[in-house]
């Protein structure tokens, strides 16, 4: 009924969902930090823009990995 291969596939599927969710959380946290620092603190420095770049990269990685896992 249950084979080791099925359990392995289910485990990998769960990790992929967790990884996708993790990248979205990272993106949202970084985006919120960036917005708060720009609006509330009026921080005008390279670090603020670096946070935005990291957030965007995180979002891109999320969609690239998610798109690749759907075809498998």
C-alpha atoms as a PDB file:
ATOM      1  CA  UNK A   1       0.000   0.000   0.000  1.00  0.00           C
ATOM      2  CA  UNK A   2       2.537   2.579   1.095  1.00  0.00           C
ATOM      3  CA  UNK A   3       5.954   2.372  -0.436  1.00  0.00           C
ATOM      4  CA  UNK A   4       9.132   4.167   0.526  1.00  0.00           C
ATOM      5  CA  UNK A   5       9.028   5.984  -2.803  1.00  0.00           C
ATOM      6  CA  UNK A   6       5.554   7.419  -2.109  1.00  0.00           C
ATOM      7  CA  UNK A   7       6.634   8.569   1.350  1.00  0.00           C
ATOM      8  CA  UNK A   8       9.759  10.140  -0.150  1.00  0.00           C
ATOM      9  CA  UNK A   9       7.697  11.972  -2.762  1.00  0.00           C
ATOM     10  CA  UNK A  10       5.256  13.251  -0.141  1.00  0.00           C
ATOM     11  CA  UNK A  11       8.139  14.427   2.045  1.00  0.00           C
ATOM     12  CA  UNK A  12       9.760  16.277  -0.853  1.00  0.00           C
ATOM     13  CA  UNK A  13       6.416  17.833  -1.773  1.00  0.00           C
ATOM     14  CA  UNK A  14       5.959  19.095   1.766  1.00  0.00           C
ATOM     15  CA  UNK A  15       9.458  20.583   1.768  1.00  0.00           C
ATOM     16  CA  UNK A  16       8.781  22.334  -1.559  1.00  0.00           C
ATOM     17  CA  UNK A  17       5.619  23.905  -0.172  1.00  0.00           C
ATOM     18  CA  UNK A  18       7.493  24.997   2.959  1.00  0.00           C
ATOM     19  CA  UNK A  19      10.350  26.421   0.853  1.00  0.00           C
ATOM     20  CA  UNK A  20       7.888  28.354  -1.348  1.00  0.00           C
ATOM     21  CA  UNK A  21       6.123  29.708   1.721  1.00  0.00           C
ATOM     22  CA  UNK A  22       9.436  30.655   3.313  1.00  0.00           C
ATOM     23  CA  UNK A  23      10.498  32.753   0.317  1.00  0.00           C
ATOM     24  CA  UNK A  24       7.171  34.580   0.382  1.00  0.00           C
ATOM     25  CA  UNK A  25       7.552  35.294   4.102  1.00  0.00           C
ATOM     26  CA  UNK A  26      11.095  36.583   3.570  1.00  0.00           C
ATOM     27  CA  UNK A  27       9.870  38.792   0.735  1.00  0.00           C
ATOM     28  CA  UNK A  28       7.005  40.225   2.774  1.00  0.00           C
ATOM     29  CA  UNK A  29       9.141  40.890   5.860  1.00  0.00           C
ATOM     30  CA  UNK A  30      11.839  42.626   3.837  1.00  0.00           C
ATOM     31  CA  UNK A  31       9.275  44.650   1.921  1.00  0.00           C
ATOM     32  CA  UNK A  32       7.579  45.781   5.143  1.00  0.00           C
ATOM     33  CA  UNK A  33      10.939  46.745   6.671  1.00  0.00           C
ATOM     34  CA  UNK A  34      11.767  48.723   3.553  1.00  0.00           C
ATOM     35  CA  UNK A  35       8.431  50.559   3.504  1.00  0.00           C
ATOM     36  CA  UNK A  36       8.557  51.365   7.232  1.00  0.00           C
ATOM     37  CA  UNK A  37      12.103  52.647   6.993  1.00  0.00           C
ATOM     38  CA  UNK A  38      11.243  54.864   4.011  1.00  0.00           C
ATOM     39  CA  UNK A  39       7.994  56.234   5.398  1.00  0.00           C
ATOM     40  CA  UNK A  40       8.439  56.407   9.179  1.00  0.00           C
ATOM     41  CA  UNK A  41      12.155  56.858   9.602  1.00  0.00           C
ATOM     42  CA  UNK A  42      12.959  58.792   6.431  1.00  0.00           C
ATOM     43  CA  UNK A  43      16.084  56.744   5.959  1.00  0.00           C
ATOM     44  CA  UNK A  44      17.789  57.692   2.735  1.00  0.00           C
ATOM     45  CA  UNK A  45      20.680  55.336   2.328  1.00  0.00           C
ATOM     46  CA  UNK A  46      21.951  52.455   0.296  1.00  0.00           C
ATOM     47  CA  UNK A  47      20.942  49.923   2.942  1.00  0.00           C
ATOM     48  CA  UNK A  48      17.250  50.618   2.438  1.00  0.00           C
ATOM     49  CA  UNK A  49      17.520  49.983  -1.275  1.00  0.00           C
ATOM     50  CA  UNK A  50      19.616  46.889  -0.631  1.00  0.00           C
ATOM     51  CA  UNK A  51      16.745  45.495   1.466  1.00  0.00           C
ATOM     52  CA  UNK A  52      14.365  46.109  -1.418  1.00  0.00           C
ATOM     53  CA  UNK A  53      16.701  44.361  -3.869  1.00  0.00           C
ATOM     54  CA  UNK A  54      17.028  41.326  -1.570  1.00  0.00           C
ATOM     55  CA  UNK A  55      13.228  41.199  -1.232  1.00  0.00           C
ATOM     56  CA  UNK A  56      12.762  41.265  -5.000  1.00  0.00           C
ATOM     57  CA  UNK A  57      15.410  38.575  -5.488  1.00  0.00           C
ATOM     58  CA  UNK A  58      13.631  36.447  -2.882  1.00  0.00           C
ATOM     59  CA  UNK A  59      10.356  36.832  -4.771  1.00  0.00           C
ATOM     60  CA  UNK A  60      11.986  35.925  -8.085  1.00  0.00           C
ATOM     61  CA  UNK A  61      13.576  32.812  -6.548  1.00  0.00           C
ATOM     62  CA  UNK A  62      10.173  31.859  -5.133  1.00  0.00           C
ATOM     63  CA  UNK A  63       8.497  31.956  -8.538  1.00  0.00           C
ATOM     64  CA  UNK A  64      11.394  30.284 -10.379  1.00  0.00           C
ATOM     65  CA  UNK A  65      11.513  27.347  -7.958  1.00  0.00           C
ATOM     66  CA  UNK A  66       7.740  27.075  -7.822  1.00  0.00           C
ATOM     67  CA  UNK A  67       7.481  27.007 -11.619  1.00  0.00           C
ATOM     68  CA  UNK A  68      10.136  24.312 -11.866  1.00  0.00           C
ATOM     69  CA  UNK A  69       8.482  22.074  -9.272  1.00  0.00           C
ATOM     70  CA  UNK A  70       5.085  22.134 -11.008  1.00  0.00           C
ATOM     71  CA  UNK A  71       6.405  20.395 -14.109  1.00  0.00           C
ATOM     72  CA  UNK A  72       7.758  17.433 -12.114  1.00  0.00           C
END
